[in-house]
Amino acid sequence: MVNFFFPMKIKQNLAMSDTGFLFNPGNGDSFSVNPIGLEIIQLIKSGQDAAAIKGTLLEAYAIDSDTLEKDIYDFLNTLRRHKLVHEA
């Protein structure tokens, strides 16, 4: 299932702080993400695809591949649901 929804881009006008606070000026919504969520967003912004993101996180954290894949999938669904990303 590694392909997820890519290619995907973070919305251009999305404001992000270093602490994981996100602000969508298009509709005024704000969100907080944990450090791993922020890392995923930064990896998407840098142009990494799903396989590269999964590989990066597998190297950095002690988690099994299937659990990580599900967590990434769920997080990307949340980003899509809140319209913080768009298909590239």
PDB file of N, CA and C in Angstrom:
ATOM      1  N   MET A   1       0.821  -1.205   0.000  1.00  0.00           N
ATOM      2  CA  MET A   1       0.000   0.000   0.000  1.00  0.00           C
ATOM      3  C   MET A   1       0.859   1.261   0.000  1.00  0.00           C
ATOM      4  N   VAL A   2       2.144   1.227  -0.105  1.00  0.00           N
ATOM      5  CA  VAL A   2       3.040   2.360   0.048  1.00  0.00           C
ATOM      6  C   VAL A   2       2.716   3.574  -0.823  1.00  0.00           C
ATOM      7  N   ASN A   3       1.982   3.478  -1.885  1.00  0.00           N
ATOM      8  CA  ASN A   3       1.765   4.605  -2.795  1.00  0.00           C
ATOM      9  C   ASN A   3       0.890   5.712  -2.213  1.00  0.00           C
ATOM     10  N   PHE A   4      -0.003   5.416  -1.315  1.00  0.00           N
ATOM     11  CA  PHE A   4      -0.905   6.372  -0.694  1.00  0.00           C
ATOM     12  C   PHE A   4      -1.577   7.257  -1.730  1.00  0.00           C
ATOM     13  N   PHE A   5      -1.441   8.579  -1.584  1.00  0.00           N
ATOM     14  CA  PHE A   5      -2.123   9.531  -2.458  1.00  0.00           C
ATOM     15  C   PHE A   5      -1.150  10.381  -3.261  1.00  0.00           C
ATOM     16  N   PHE A   6       0.057   9.940  -3.426  1.00  0.00           N
ATOM     17  CA  PHE A   6       1.055  10.779  -4.077  1.00  0.00           C
ATOM     18  C   PHE A   6       0.863  10.775  -5.571  1.00  0.00           C
ATOM     19  N   PRO A   7       1.282  11.779  -6.296  1.00  0.00           N
ATOM     20  CA  PRO A   7       1.988  12.933  -5.757  1.00  0.00           C
ATOM     21  C   PRO A   7       1.046  13.902  -5.047  1.00  0.00           C
ATOM     22  N   MET A   8       1.515  14.443  -3.958  1.00  0.00           N
ATOM     23  CA  MET A   8       0.720  15.322  -3.106  1.00  0.00           C
ATOM     24  C   MET A   8       1.582  16.524  -2.725  1.00  0.00           C
ATOM     25  N   LYS A   9       0.962  17.664  -2.607  1.00  0.00           N
ATOM     26  CA  LYS A   9       1.669  18.891  -2.224  1.00  0.00           C
ATOM     27  C   LYS A   9       0.946  19.544  -1.052  1.00  0.00           C
ATOM     28  N   ILE A  10       1.718  20.143  -0.173  1.00  0.00           N
ATOM     29  CA  ILE A  10       1.164  20.948   0.910  1.00  0.00           C
ATOM     30  C   ILE A  10       0.677  22.259   0.288  1.00  0.00           C
ATOM     31  N   LYS A  11      -0.460  22.744   0.725  1.00  0.00           N
ATOM     32  CA  LYS A  11      -0.987  24.006   0.188  1.00  0.00           C
ATOM     33  C   LYS A  11       0.053  25.112   0.340  1.00  0.00           C
ATOM     34  N   GLN A  12       0.195  25.917  -0.696  1.00  0.00           N
ATOM     35  CA  GLN A  12       1.200  26.979  -0.731  1.00  0.00           C
ATOM     36  C   GLN A  12       1.058  27.976   0.417  1.00  0.00           C
ATOM     37  N   ASN A  13      -0.164  28.357   0.736  1.00  0.00           N
ATOM     38  CA  ASN A  13      -0.363  29.418   1.726  1.00  0.00           C
ATOM     39  C   ASN A  13      -0.454  28.900   3.162  1.00  0.00           C
ATOM     40  N   LEU A  14      -0.230  27.621   3.379  1.00  0.00           N
ATOM     41  CA  LEU A  14      -0.299  27.058   4.721  1.00  0.00           C
ATOM     42  C   LEU A  14       0.879  27.567   5.555  1.00  0.00           C
ATOM     43  N   ALA A  15       0.576  28.206   6.663  1.00  0.00           N
ATOM     44  CA  ALA A  15       1.618  28.705   7.571  1.00  0.00           C
ATOM     45  C   ALA A  15       1.930  27.622   8.596  1.00  0.00           C
ATOM     46  N   MET A  16       3.222  27.398   8.839  1.00  0.00           N
ATOM     47  CA  MET A  16       3.648  26.368   9.791  1.00  0.00           C
ATOM     48  C   MET A  16       4.701  26.944  10.722  1.00  0.00           C
ATOM     49  N   SER A  17       4.562  26.628  11.996  1.00  0.00           N
ATOM     50  CA  SER A  17       5.608  27.007  12.945  1.00  0.00           C
ATOM     51  C   SER A  17       6.536  25.819  13.163  1.00  0.00           C
ATOM     52  N   ASP A  18       7.674  26.070  13.774  1.00  0.00           N
ATOM     53  CA  ASP A  18       8.624  24.998  14.084  1.00  0.00           C
ATOM     54  C   ASP A  18       8.099  24.062  15.162  1.00  0.00           C
ATOM     55  N   THR A  19       7.056  24.473  15.858  1.00  0.00           N
ATOM     56  CA  THR A  19       6.502  23.651  16.935  1.00  0.00           C
ATOM     57  C   THR A  19       5.302  22.816  16.494  1.00  0.00           C
ATOM     58  N   GLY A  20       4.900  22.916  15.213  1.00  0.00           N
ATOM     59  CA  GLY A  20       3.809  22.090  14.715  1.00  0.00           C
ATOM     60  C   GLY A  20       2.464  22.775  14.664  1.00  0.00           C
ATOM     61  N   PHE A  21       2.441  24.095  14.809  1.00  0.00           N
ATOM     62  CA  PHE A  21       1.190  24.834  14.684  1.00  0.00           C
ATOM     63  C   PHE A  21       0.988  25.156  13.208  1.00  0.00           C
ATOM     64  N   LEU A  22      -0.186  24.780  12.662  1.00  0.00           N
ATOM     65  CA  LEU A  22      -0.513  25.019  11.261  1.00  0.00           C
ATOM     66  C   LEU A  22      -1.674  25.986  11.186  1.00  0.00           C
ATOM     67  N   PHE A  23      -1.601  26.925  10.249  1.00  0.00           N
ATOM     68  CA  PHE A  23      -2.682  27.883  10.044  1.00  0.00           C
ATOM     69  C   PHE A  23      -2.991  27.956   8.557  1.00  0.00           C
ATOM     70  N   ASN A  24      -4.262  27.742   8.228  1.00  0.00           N
ATOM     71  CA  ASN A  24      -4.722  27.825   6.847  1.00  0.00           C
ATOM     72  C   ASN A  24      -5.413  29.173   6.667  1.00  0.00           C
ATOM     73  N   PRO A  25      -4.737  30.165   6.070  1.00  0.00           N
ATOM     74  CA  PRO A  25      -5.342  31.476   5.927  1.00  0.00           C
ATOM     75  C   PRO A  25      -6.528  31.499   4.963  1.00  0.00           C
ATOM     76  N   GLY A  26      -6.658  30.459   4.158  1.00  0.00           N
ATOM     77  CA  GLY A  26      -7.779  30.384   3.229  1.00  0.00           C
ATOM     78  C   GLY A  26      -9.125  30.284   3.918  1.00  0.00           C
ATOM     79  N   ASN A  27      -9.153  29.611   5.077  1.00  0.00           N
ATOM     80  CA  ASN A  27     -10.425  29.467   5.790  1.00  0.00           C
ATOM     81  C   ASN A  27     -10.316  29.795   7.283  1.00  0.00           C
ATOM     82  N   GLY A  28      -9.118  30.153   7.751  1.00  0.00           N
ATOM     83  CA  GLY A  28      -8.936  30.542   9.138  1.00  0.00           C
ATOM     84  C   GLY A  28      -8.766  29.380  10.104  1.00  0.00           C
ATOM     85  N   ASP A  29      -8.744  28.136   9.608  1.00  0.00           N
ATOM     86  CA  ASP A  29      -8.575  26.978  10.483  1.00  0.00           C
ATOM     87  C   ASP A  29      -7.135  26.869  10.971  1.00  0.00           C
ATOM     88  N   SER A  30      -6.987  26.396  12.190  1.00  0.00           N
ATOM     89  CA  SER A  30      -5.654  26.138  12.722  1.00  0.00           C
ATOM     90  C   SER A  30      -5.620  24.733  13.318  1.00  0.00           C
ATOM     91  N   PHE A  31      -4.431  24.166  13.325  1.00  0.00           N
ATOM     92  CA  PHE A  31      -4.230  22.793  13.772  1.00  0.00           C
ATOM     93  C   PHE A  31      -2.890  22.701  14.472  1.00  0.00           C
ATOM     94  N   SER A  32      -2.747  21.695  15.295  1.00  0.00           N
ATOM     95  CA  SER A  32      -1.459  21.356  15.892  1.00  0.00           C
ATOM     96  C   SER A  32      -1.139  19.923  15.520  1.00  0.00           C
ATOM     97  N   VAL A  33       0.105  19.687  15.130  1.00  0.00           N
ATOM     98  CA  VAL A  33       0.551  18.328  14.835  1.00  0.00           C
ATOM     99  C   VAL A  33       1.725  18.007  15.752  1.00  0.00           C
ATOM    100  N   ASN A  34       1.903  16.726  16.001  1.00  0.00           N
ATOM    101  CA  ASN A  34       3.029  16.303  16.828  1.00  0.00           C
ATOM    102  C   ASN A  34       4.317  16.366  16.000  1.00  0.00           C
ATOM    103  N   PRO A  35       5.469  16.168  16.625  1.00  0.00           N
ATOM    104  CA  PRO A  35       6.739  16.283  15.882  1.00  0.00           C
ATOM    105  C   PRO A  35       6.840  15.354  14.666  1.00  0.00           C
ATOM    106  N   ILE A  36       6.285  14.157  14.754  1.00  0.00           N
ATOM    107  CA  ILE A  36       6.354  13.249  13.609  1.00  0.00           C
ATOM    108  C   ILE A  36       5.434  13.738  12.495  1.00  0.00           C
ATOM    109  N   GLY A  37       4.260  14.257  12.838  1.00  0.00           N
ATOM    110  CA  GLY A  37       3.373  14.844  11.835  1.00  0.00           C
ATOM    111  C   GLY A  37       4.047  16.009  11.136  1.00  0.00           C
ATOM    112  N   LEU A  38       4.735  16.845  11.907  1.00  0.00           N
ATOM    113  CA  LEU A  38       5.459  17.974  11.324  1.00  0.00           C
ATOM    114  C   LEU A  38       6.562  17.470  10.398  1.00  0.00           C
ATOM    115  N   GLU A  39       7.232  16.409  10.808  1.00  0.00           N
ATOM    116  CA  GLU A  39       8.291  15.833   9.975  1.00  0.00           C
ATOM    117  C   GLU A  39       7.720  15.314   8.655  1.00  0.00           C
ATOM    118  N   ILE A  40       6.566  14.656   8.708  1.00  0.00           N
ATOM    119  CA  ILE A  40       5.927  14.164   7.482  1.00  0.00           C
ATOM    120  C   ILE A  40       5.587  15.335   6.558  1.00  0.00           C
ATOM    121  N   ILE A  41       5.032  16.399   7.120  1.00  0.00           N
ATOM    122  CA  ILE A  41       4.689  17.573   6.314  1.00  0.00           C
ATOM    123  C   ILE A  41       5.946  18.164   5.673  1.00  0.00           C
ATOM    124  N   GLN A  42       7.018  18.259   6.431  1.00  0.00           N
ATOM    125  CA  GLN A  42       8.264  18.798   5.885  1.00  0.00           C
ATOM    126  C   GLN A  42       8.826  17.902   4.788  1.00  0.00           C
ATOM    127  N   LEU A  43       8.688  16.593   4.948  1.00  0.00           N
ATOM    128  CA  LEU A  43       9.151  15.667   3.914  1.00  0.00           C
ATOM    129  C   LEU A  43       8.313  15.803   2.640  1.00  0.00           C
ATOM    130  N   ILE A  44       7.009  15.985   2.787  1.00  0.00           N
ATOM    131  CA  ILE A  44       6.150  16.218   1.624  1.00  0.00           C
ATOM    132  C   ILE A  44       6.580  17.514   0.932  1.00  0.00           C
ATOM    133  N   LYS A  45       6.802  18.561   1.728  1.00  0.00           N
ATOM    134  CA  LYS A  45       7.217  19.857   1.163  1.00  0.00           C
ATOM    135  C   LYS A  45       8.535  19.748   0.407  1.00  0.00           C
ATOM    136  N   SER A  46       9.416  18.875   0.867  1.00  0.00           N
ATOM    137  CA  SER A  46      10.710  18.714   0.200  1.00  0.00           C
ATOM    138  C   SER A  46      10.607  17.852  -1.047  1.00  0.00           C
ATOM    139  N   GLY A  47       9.403  17.349  -1.340  1.00  0.00           N
ATOM    140  CA  GLY A  47       9.194  16.594  -2.577  1.00  0.00           C
ATOM    141  C   GLY A  47       9.335  15.096  -2.450  1.00  0.00           C
ATOM    142  N   GLN A  48       9.457  14.589  -1.231  1.00  0.00           N
ATOM    143  CA  GLN A  48       9.614  13.142  -1.068  1.00  0.00           C
ATOM    144  C   GLN A  48       8.300  12.425  -1.333  1.00  0.00           C
ATOM    145  N   ASP A  49       8.408  11.254  -1.922  1.00  0.00           N
ATOM    146  CA  ASP A  49       7.219  10.437  -2.152  1.00  0.00           C
ATOM    147  C   ASP A  49       6.971   9.545  -0.936  1.00  0.00           C
ATOM    148  N   ALA A  50       5.880   8.802  -0.991  1.00  0.00           N
ATOM    149  CA  ALA A  50       5.466   7.984   0.154  1.00  0.00           C
ATOM    150  C   ALA A  50       6.523   6.969   0.557  1.00  0.00           C
ATOM    151  N   ALA A  51       7.148   6.318  -0.420  1.00  0.00           N
ATOM    152  CA  ALA A  51       8.161   5.311  -0.101  1.00  0.00           C
ATOM    153  C   ALA A  51       9.357   5.953   0.603  1.00  0.00           C
ATOM    154  N   ALA A  52       9.773   7.126   0.148  1.00  0.00           N
ATOM    155  CA  ALA A  52      10.905   7.812   0.775  1.00  0.00           C
ATOM    156  C   ALA A  52      10.551   8.272   2.184  1.00  0.00           C
ATOM    157  N   ILE A  53       9.334   8.772   2.366  1.00  0.00           N
ATOM    158  CA  ILE A  53       8.899   9.190   3.703  1.00  0.00           C
ATOM    159  C   ILE A  53       8.889   8.000   4.650  1.00  0.00           C
ATOM    160  N   LYS A  54       8.337   6.898   4.191  1.00  0.00           N
ATOM    161  CA  LYS A  54       8.291   5.691   5.015  1.00  0.00           C
ATOM    162  C   LYS A  54       9.710   5.245   5.371  1.00  0.00           C
ATOM    163  N   GLY A  55      10.615   5.244   4.391  1.00  0.00           N
ATOM    164  CA  GLY A  55      11.996   4.835   4.636  1.00  0.00           C
ATOM    165  C   GLY A  55      12.699   5.737   5.635  1.00  0.00           C
ATOM    166  N   THR A  56      12.496   7.039   5.489  1.00  0.00           N
ATOM    167  CA  THR A  56      13.103   8.005   6.406  1.00  0.00           C
ATOM    168  C   THR A  56      12.634   7.769   7.834  1.00  0.00           C
ATOM    169  N   LEU A  57      11.328   7.573   7.995  1.00  0.00           N
ATOM    170  CA  LEU A  57      10.775   7.383   9.341  1.00  0.00           C
ATOM    171  C   LEU A  57      11.145   6.026   9.924  1.00  0.00           C
ATOM    172  N   LEU A  58      11.244   4.990   9.084  1.00  0.00           N
ATOM    173  CA  LEU A  58      11.663   3.677   9.577  1.00  0.00           C
ATOM    174  C   LEU A  58      13.090   3.723  10.119  1.00  0.00           C
ATOM    175  N   GLU A  59      13.947   4.513   9.472  1.00  0.00           N
ATOM    176  CA  GLU A  59      15.327   4.647   9.941  1.00  0.00           C
ATOM    177  C   GLU A  59      15.409   5.428  11.252  1.00  0.00           C
ATOM    178  N   ALA A  60      14.489   6.386  11.425  1.00  0.00           N
ATOM    179  CA  ALA A  60      14.569   7.287  12.572  1.00  0.00           C
ATOM    180  C   ALA A  60      13.866   6.772  13.826  1.00  0.00           C
ATOM    181  N   TYR A  61      12.870   5.914  13.661  1.00  0.00           N
ATOM    182  CA  TYR A  61      12.045   5.507  14.796  1.00  0.00           C
ATOM    183  C   TYR A  61      11.924   3.990  14.867  1.00  0.00           C
ATOM    184  N   ALA A  62      11.789   3.493  16.082  1.00  0.00           N
ATOM    185  CA  ALA A  62      11.628   2.059  16.318  1.00  0.00           C
ATOM    186  C   ALA A  62      10.153   1.703  16.178  1.00  0.00           C
ATOM    187  N   ILE A  63       9.759   1.401  14.942  1.00  0.00           N
ATOM    188  CA  ILE A  63       8.369   1.058  14.658  1.00  0.00           C
ATOM    189  C   ILE A  63       8.362   0.037  13.528  1.00  0.00           C
ATOM    190  N   ASP A  64       7.390  -0.851  13.545  1.00  0.00           N
ATOM    191  CA  ASP A  64       7.348  -1.841  12.471  1.00  0.00           C
ATOM    192  C   ASP A  64       6.738  -1.211  11.215  1.00  0.00           C
ATOM    193  N   SER A  65       7.102  -1.756  10.103  1.00  0.00           N
ATOM    194  CA  SER A  65       6.748  -1.206   8.799  1.00  0.00           C
ATOM    195  C   SER A  65       5.237  -1.096   8.582  1.00  0.00           C
ATOM    196  N   ASP A  66       4.483  -2.119   8.941  1.00  0.00           N
ATOM    197  CA  ASP A  66       3.035  -2.106   8.718  1.00  0.00           C
ATOM    198  C   ASP A  66       2.339  -1.040   9.559  1.00  0.00           C
ATOM    199  N   THR A  67       2.751  -0.912  10.814  1.00  0.00           N
ATOM    200  CA  THR A  67       2.156   0.104  11.689  1.00  0.00           C
ATOM    201  C   THR A  67       2.475   1.498  11.158  1.00  0.00           C
ATOM    202  N   LEU A  68       3.716   1.713  10.760  1.00  0.00           N
ATOM    203  CA  LEU A  68       4.107   3.013  10.223  1.00  0.00           C
ATOM    204  C   LEU A  68       3.310   3.348   8.970  1.00  0.00           C
ATOM    205  N   GLU A  69       3.173   2.390   8.088  1.00  0.00           N
ATOM    206  CA  GLU A  69       2.426   2.623   6.851  1.00  0.00           C
ATOM    207  C   GLU A  69       0.983   3.026   7.154  1.00  0.00           C
ATOM    208  N   LYS A  70       0.350   2.353   8.095  1.00  0.00           N
ATOM    209  CA  LYS A  70      -1.018   2.694   8.467  1.00  0.00           C
ATOM    210  C   LYS A  70      -1.078   4.093   9.077  1.00  0.00           C
ATOM    211  N   ASP A  71      -0.114   4.411   9.933  1.00  0.00           N
ATOM    212  CA  ASP A  71      -0.088   5.737  10.568  1.00  0.00           C
ATOM    213  C   ASP A  71       0.102   6.849   9.536  1.00  0.00           C
ATOM    214  N   ILE A  72       1.001   6.643   8.570  1.00  0.00           N
ATOM    215  CA  ILE A  72       1.200   7.639   7.511  1.00  0.00           C
ATOM    216  C   ILE A  72      -0.078   7.791   6.703  1.00  0.00           C
ATOM    217  N   TYR A  73      -0.678   6.669   6.332  1.00  0.00           N
ATOM    218  CA  TYR A  73      -1.927   6.686   5.563  1.00  0.00           C
ATOM    219  C   TYR A  73      -3.012   7.472   6.313  1.00  0.00           C
ATOM    220  N   ASP A  74      -3.174   7.191   7.589  1.00  0.00           N
ATOM    221  CA  ASP A  74      -4.181   7.895   8.399  1.00  0.00           C
ATOM    222  C   ASP A  74      -3.882   9.389   8.488  1.00  0.00           C
ATOM    223  N   PHE A  75      -2.611   9.741   8.668  1.00  0.00           N
ATOM    224  CA  PHE A  75      -2.232  11.150   8.766  1.00  0.00           C
ATOM    225  C   PHE A  75      -2.507  11.880   7.449  1.00  0.00           C
ATOM    226  N   LEU A  76      -2.155  11.249   6.334  1.00  0.00           N
ATOM    227  CA  LEU A  76      -2.407  11.872   5.031  1.00  0.00           C
ATOM    228  C   LEU A  76      -3.905  12.035   4.777  1.00  0.00           C
ATOM    229  N   ASN A  77      -4.698  11.073   5.220  1.00  0.00           N
ATOM    230  CA  ASN A  77      -6.155  11.205   5.111  1.00  0.00           C
ATOM    231  C   ASN A  77      -6.646  12.414   5.905  1.00  0.00           C
ATOM    232  N   THR A  78      -6.078  12.611   7.085  1.00  0.00           N
ATOM    233  CA  THR A  78      -6.459  13.761   7.908  1.00  0.00           C
ATOM    234  C   THR A  78      -6.084  15.066   7.209  1.00  0.00           C
ATOM    235  N   LEU A  79      -4.884  15.129   6.635  1.00  0.00           N
ATOM    236  CA  LEU A  79      -4.474  16.326   5.900  1.00  0.00           C
ATOM    237  C   LEU A  79      -5.424  16.603   4.733  1.00  0.00           C
ATOM    238  N   ARG A  80      -5.797  15.562   4.018  1.00  0.00           N
ATOM    239  CA  ARG A  80      -6.721  15.731   2.886  1.00  0.00           C
ATOM    240  C   ARG A  80      -8.093  16.184   3.366  1.00  0.00           C
ATOM    241  N   ARG A  81      -8.583  15.584   4.422  1.00  0.00           N
ATOM    242  CA  ARG A  81      -9.911  15.913   4.944  1.00  0.00           C
ATOM    243  C   ARG A  81      -9.992  17.386   5.360  1.00  0.00           C
ATOM    244  N   HIS A  82      -8.904  17.920   5.873  1.00  0.00           N
ATOM    245  CA  HIS A  82      -8.877  19.317   6.310  1.00  0.00           C
ATOM    246  C   HIS A  82      -8.379  20.262   5.205  1.00  0.00           C
ATOM    247  N   LYS A  83      -8.204  19.699   4.012  1.00  0.00           N
ATOM    248  CA  LYS A  83      -7.800  20.475   2.834  1.00  0.00           C
ATOM    249  C   LYS A  83      -6.467  21.217   3.039  1.00  0.00           C
ATOM    250  N   LEU A  84      -5.529  20.536   3.661  1.00  0.00           N
ATOM    251  CA  LEU A  84      -4.200  21.103   3.870  1.00  0.00           C
ATOM    252  C   LEU A  84      -3.219  20.666   2.790  1.00  0.00           C
ATOM    253  N   VAL A  85      -3.644  19.728   1.963  1.00  0.00           N
ATOM    254  CA  VAL A  85      -2.836  19.241   0.848  1.00  0.00           C
ATOM    255  C   VAL A  85      -3.702  19.201  -0.402  1.00  0.00           C
ATOM    256  N   HIS A  86      -3.048  19.102  -1.535  1.00  0.00           N
ATOM    257  CA  HIS A  86      -3.752  18.913  -2.787  1.00  0.00           C
ATOM    258  C   HIS A  86      -2.939  17.952  -3.649  1.00  0.00           C
ATOM    259  N   GLU A  87      -3.601  17.311  -4.566  1.00  0.00           N
ATOM    260  CA  GLU A  87      -2.926  16.399  -5.467  1.00  0.00           C
ATOM    261  C   GLU A  87      -2.046  17.225  -6.414  1.00  0.00           C
ATOM    262  N   ALA A  88      -0.817  16.760  -6.617  1.00  0.00           N
ATOM    263  CA  ALA A  88       0.123  17.497  -7.473  1.00  0.00           C
ATOM    264  C   ALA A  88      -0.159  17.239  -8.932  1.00  0.00           C
TER     265      ALA A  88
END
